[in-house]
Amino acid sequence: MGNKKSNSISPKQGCLLICLIILCLGVWIAVFSVMFEDDRQTVVKEENKLKNEDVKEKSPKGDVQSQVEKVISGILGKKTNYGDQRILELQVNDHYGTSDEEDKIIIATILGNENLTTNLTRKGMLLDSVKLFKELFALENSQEVTLIWQYPLVDVSGNTKNETVLKISLDRESASNINWDSFDNENLKIVANEYWEHSSIQN
């Protein structure tokens, strides 16, 4: 009878087979890692893109609002001299009348300080208005500013309520012609785009 061929794998063949398996496994892992890394980087890029778009959309208005609050609180304080909240309402709206989409209209409703006389109260509001206009127009995106001053008034029934006593509006073009350092507060009624006084504080 002839010799039978052995089906067993020689040690040398076994080593080669193991090396081949390891090599294939390494290549597969490398390919999978590259694919996973590409996918991960794509996801990260998309997340960053969405974050950047979200920040771009929200930050201008938010930044201007916080800057305006800082200016008002820095000049007038967060509370009046009788302890009430200074800023009653603050609106920062898009200005659609300019070519820059980040330009803003600022409308600040603020509470005035109490003074010895009505005339001094009025003068104090005018003086503070000049300070506010100067600093608010120093902000890059402020194109129009309206200051609405309120003050506690007593009605015919003896009830006290905060009422609007002074309203002044200025746009950047008008403000750019004013030398704030030597400006006479009483001239606000002349240079302002809009000026209104309540009869209770008129001279």
Protein backbone atom coordinates (compact mmCIF):
# COMPACT_ATOMS: atom_id res chain seq x y z
CA MET A 1 0.00 0.00 0.00
CA GLY A 2 1.18 3.54 -0.78
CA ASN A 3 1.93 6.15 1.86
CA LYS A 4 -1.04 8.36 2.85
CA LYS A 5 -0.59 12.13 2.64
CA SER A 6 -1.00 13.82 5.99
CA ASN A 7 -3.78 16.47 6.29
CA SER A 8 -2.14 18.07 9.30
CA ILE A 9 -0.63 21.57 9.04
CA SER A 10 3.04 21.84 9.61
CA PRO A 11 4.34 24.29 12.25
CA LYS A 12 5.70 26.51 9.50
CA GLN A 13 2.34 26.63 7.75
CA GLY A 14 0.61 27.28 11.06
CA CYS A 15 2.84 30.29 11.74
CA LEU A 16 2.18 31.66 8.28
CA LEU A 17 -1.57 31.19 8.74
CA ILE A 18 -1.52 32.95 12.10
CA CYS A 19 0.53 35.80 10.64
CA LEU A 20 -1.94 36.10 7.77
CA ILE A 21 -4.89 36.20 10.16
CA ILE A 22 -3.18 38.82 12.32
CA LEU A 23 -2.33 40.87 9.23
CA CYS A 24 -5.92 40.72 7.95
CA LEU A 25 -7.22 41.61 11.40
CA GLY A 26 -4.82 44.56 11.61
CA VAL A 27 -5.86 45.83 8.19
CA TRP A 28 -9.55 45.50 9.13
CA ILE A 29 -9.02 47.35 12.41
CA ALA A 30 -7.07 50.10 10.64
CA VAL A 31 -9.76 50.53 7.98
CA PHE A 32 -12.51 50.55 10.61
CA SER A 33 -10.60 53.08 12.73
CA VAL A 34 -10.15 55.42 9.78
CA MET A 35 -13.83 55.14 8.89
CA PHE A 36 -14.87 55.72 12.51
CA GLU A 37 -12.52 58.70 12.85
CA ASP A 38 -13.83 60.24 9.63
CA ASP A 39 -17.39 59.82 10.86
CA ARG A 40 -16.48 61.26 14.27
CA GLN A 41 -14.76 64.27 12.70
CA THR A 42 -17.76 64.83 10.42
CA VAL A 43 -20.10 64.80 13.42
CA VAL A 44 -17.84 67.18 15.35
CA LYS A 45 -17.64 69.54 12.36
CA GLU A 46 -21.42 69.52 11.98
CA GLU A 47 -21.88 70.18 15.72
CA ASN A 48 -19.38 73.05 15.62
CA LYS A 49 -21.07 74.47 12.52
CA LEU A 50 -24.46 74.41 14.24
CA LYS A 51 -22.99 76.00 17.37
CA ASN A 52 -21.30 78.73 15.36
CA GLU A 53 -24.49 79.44 13.44
CA ASP A 54 -26.43 79.55 16.70
CA VAL A 55 -23.92 81.91 18.28
CA LYS A 56 -23.86 84.09 15.18
CA GLU A 57 -27.64 84.28 15.25
CA LYS A 58 -28.00 85.00 18.96
CA SER A 59 -24.87 86.81 20.08
CA PRO A 60 -25.24 90.26 18.47
CA LYS A 61 -28.54 91.07 20.14
CA GLY A 62 -27.51 89.44 23.41
CA ASP A 63 -24.18 91.23 23.42
CA VAL A 64 -25.72 94.64 22.75
CA GLN A 65 -28.38 94.10 25.41
CA SER A 66 -25.81 93.20 28.06
CA GLN A 67 -23.63 96.14 27.03
CA VAL A 68 -26.58 98.53 27.29
CA GLU A 69 -27.50 97.20 30.73
CA LYS A 70 -23.90 97.64 31.82
CA VAL A 71 -23.81 101.25 30.57
CA ILE A 72 -27.07 102.20 32.28
CA SER A 73 -26.20 100.51 35.57
CA GLY A 74 -22.69 101.95 35.46
CA ILE A 75 -23.93 105.53 35.05
CA LEU A 76 -27.16 105.47 37.07
CA GLY A 77 -26.75 102.51 39.39
CA LYS A 78 -28.97 99.43 39.51
CA LYS A 79 -31.42 101.13 41.88
CA THR A 80 -32.81 104.64 42.34
CA ASN A 81 -31.98 106.76 45.37
CA TYR A 82 -35.24 105.55 46.92
CA GLY A 83 -34.43 101.87 46.37
CA ASP A 84 -36.53 100.92 43.33
CA GLN A 85 -35.20 98.99 40.34
CA ARG A 86 -33.59 101.36 37.86
CA ILE A 87 -34.25 99.59 34.55
CA LEU A 88 -37.98 98.94 34.14
CA GLU A 89 -37.78 97.62 30.58
CA LEU A 90 -35.08 97.26 27.96
CA GLN A 91 -35.66 96.46 24.30
CA VAL A 92 -32.92 95.85 21.75
CA ASN A 93 -34.53 95.49 18.33
CA ASP A 94 -33.16 94.99 14.83
CA HIS A 95 -32.95 98.18 12.78
CA TYR A 96 -34.32 97.40 9.32
CA GLY A 97 -33.65 100.88 8.00
CA THR A 98 -29.89 100.36 7.58
CA SER A 99 -27.73 98.11 5.42
CA ASP A 100 -26.03 96.48 8.42
CA GLU A 101 -28.18 93.64 9.76
CA GLU A 102 -26.53 93.96 13.19
CA ASP A 103 -27.65 97.59 13.72
CA LYS A 104 -29.99 97.99 16.67
CA ILE A 105 -32.70 100.24 18.04
CA ILE A 106 -32.42 100.61 21.81
CA ILE A 107 -35.46 101.53 23.89
CA ALA A 108 -34.75 101.88 27.61
CA THR A 109 -37.48 102.60 30.15
CA ILE A 110 -35.78 103.80 33.32
CA LEU A 111 -36.82 105.19 36.67
CA GLY A 112 -35.59 108.64 37.66
CA ASN A 113 -34.09 109.71 40.98
CA GLU A 114 -35.97 111.77 43.53
CA ASN A 115 -34.70 115.30 44.14
CA LEU A 116 -35.50 118.31 46.33
CA THR A 117 -37.68 120.01 43.72
CA THR A 118 -39.46 119.06 40.51
CA ASN A 119 -37.10 121.28 38.54
CA LEU A 120 -34.04 119.56 40.02
CA THR A 121 -35.59 116.17 39.25
CA ARG A 122 -36.06 117.22 35.63
CA LYS A 123 -32.54 118.63 35.35
CA GLY A 124 -31.16 115.41 36.82
CA MET A 125 -32.92 113.36 34.16
CA LEU A 126 -31.60 115.61 31.38
CA LEU A 127 -28.06 115.43 32.74
CA ASP A 128 -28.25 111.64 33.03
CA SER A 129 -29.73 111.44 29.52
CA VAL A 130 -26.71 113.23 28.06
CA LYS A 131 -24.37 110.82 29.86
CA LEU A 132 -26.35 107.83 28.63
CA PHE A 133 -26.58 108.99 25.01
CA LYS A 134 -22.85 109.63 24.91
CA GLU A 135 -21.98 106.12 26.11
CA LEU A 136 -24.74 104.25 24.28
CA PHE A 137 -23.76 105.73 20.92
CA ALA A 138 -20.20 104.65 21.66
CA LEU A 139 -21.51 101.10 21.15
CA GLU A 140 -20.88 100.03 17.57
CA ASN A 141 -24.32 98.61 16.75
CA SER A 142 -26.55 101.26 18.35
CA GLN A 143 -28.18 103.26 15.55
CA GLU A 144 -31.13 104.71 17.43
CA VAL A 145 -31.67 105.23 21.16
CA THR A 146 -34.87 106.14 22.98
CA LEU A 147 -34.84 106.95 26.69
CA ILE A 148 -38.19 106.76 28.45
CA TRP A 149 -37.99 108.25 31.94
CA GLN A 150 -40.61 107.31 34.49
CA TYR A 151 -41.22 108.80 37.92
CA PRO A 152 -43.74 108.24 40.75
CA LEU A 153 -46.69 110.61 40.29
CA VAL A 154 -49.71 111.05 42.55
CA ASP A 155 -53.08 110.97 40.78
CA VAL A 156 -56.26 112.86 41.74
CA SER A 157 -57.26 110.01 44.05
CA GLY A 158 -54.01 110.21 45.95
CA ASN A 159 -52.55 107.01 44.50
CA THR A 160 -48.88 106.88 43.49
CA LYS A 161 -47.88 105.21 40.23
CA ASN A 162 -44.83 105.28 37.98
CA GLU A 163 -45.67 107.38 34.93
CA THR A 164 -43.68 108.45 31.88
CA VAL A 165 -42.52 112.04 32.42
CA LEU A 166 -39.80 112.40 29.78
CA LYS A 167 -39.12 110.74 26.43
CA ILE A 168 -36.11 111.50 24.23
CA SER A 169 -35.10 109.81 20.97
CA LEU A 170 -31.86 110.27 19.05
CA ASP A 171 -30.47 108.53 15.98
CA ARG A 172 -26.77 108.10 15.26
CA GLU A 173 -26.72 110.85 12.63
CA SER A 174 -28.06 113.44 15.08
CA ALA A 175 -25.84 112.19 17.89
CA SER A 176 -22.72 112.40 15.71
CA ASN A 177 -23.16 116.19 15.45
CA ILE A 178 -23.16 116.69 19.22
CA ASN A 179 -20.07 117.56 21.26
CA TRP A 180 -21.20 115.83 24.43
CA ASP A 181 -18.45 117.29 26.61
CA SER A 182 -19.68 120.88 26.17
CA PHE A 183 -23.33 120.20 25.38
CA ASP A 184 -26.08 122.13 27.19
CA ASN A 185 -28.62 119.64 28.54
CA GLU A 186 -31.50 122.01 27.82
CA ASN A 187 -30.76 121.77 24.10
CA LEU A 188 -31.85 118.14 23.99
CA LYS A 189 -35.35 119.35 23.12
CA ILE A 190 -33.85 121.06 20.05
CA VAL A 191 -31.45 118.41 18.71
CA ALA A 192 -33.45 115.29 19.57
CA ASN A 193 -35.40 113.48 16.86
CA GLU A 194 -38.21 113.20 19.38
CA TYR A 195 -38.65 115.04 22.68
CA TRP A 196 -41.60 115.03 25.06
CA GLU A 197 -42.12 116.23 28.64
CA HIS A 198 -44.98 115.57 31.01
CA SER A 199 -46.70 118.73 32.22
CA SER A 200 -45.77 117.84 35.79
CA ILE A 201 -42.06 118.50 35.16
CA GLN A 202 -42.26 121.33 32.65
CA ASN A 203 -40.70 124.66 33.62
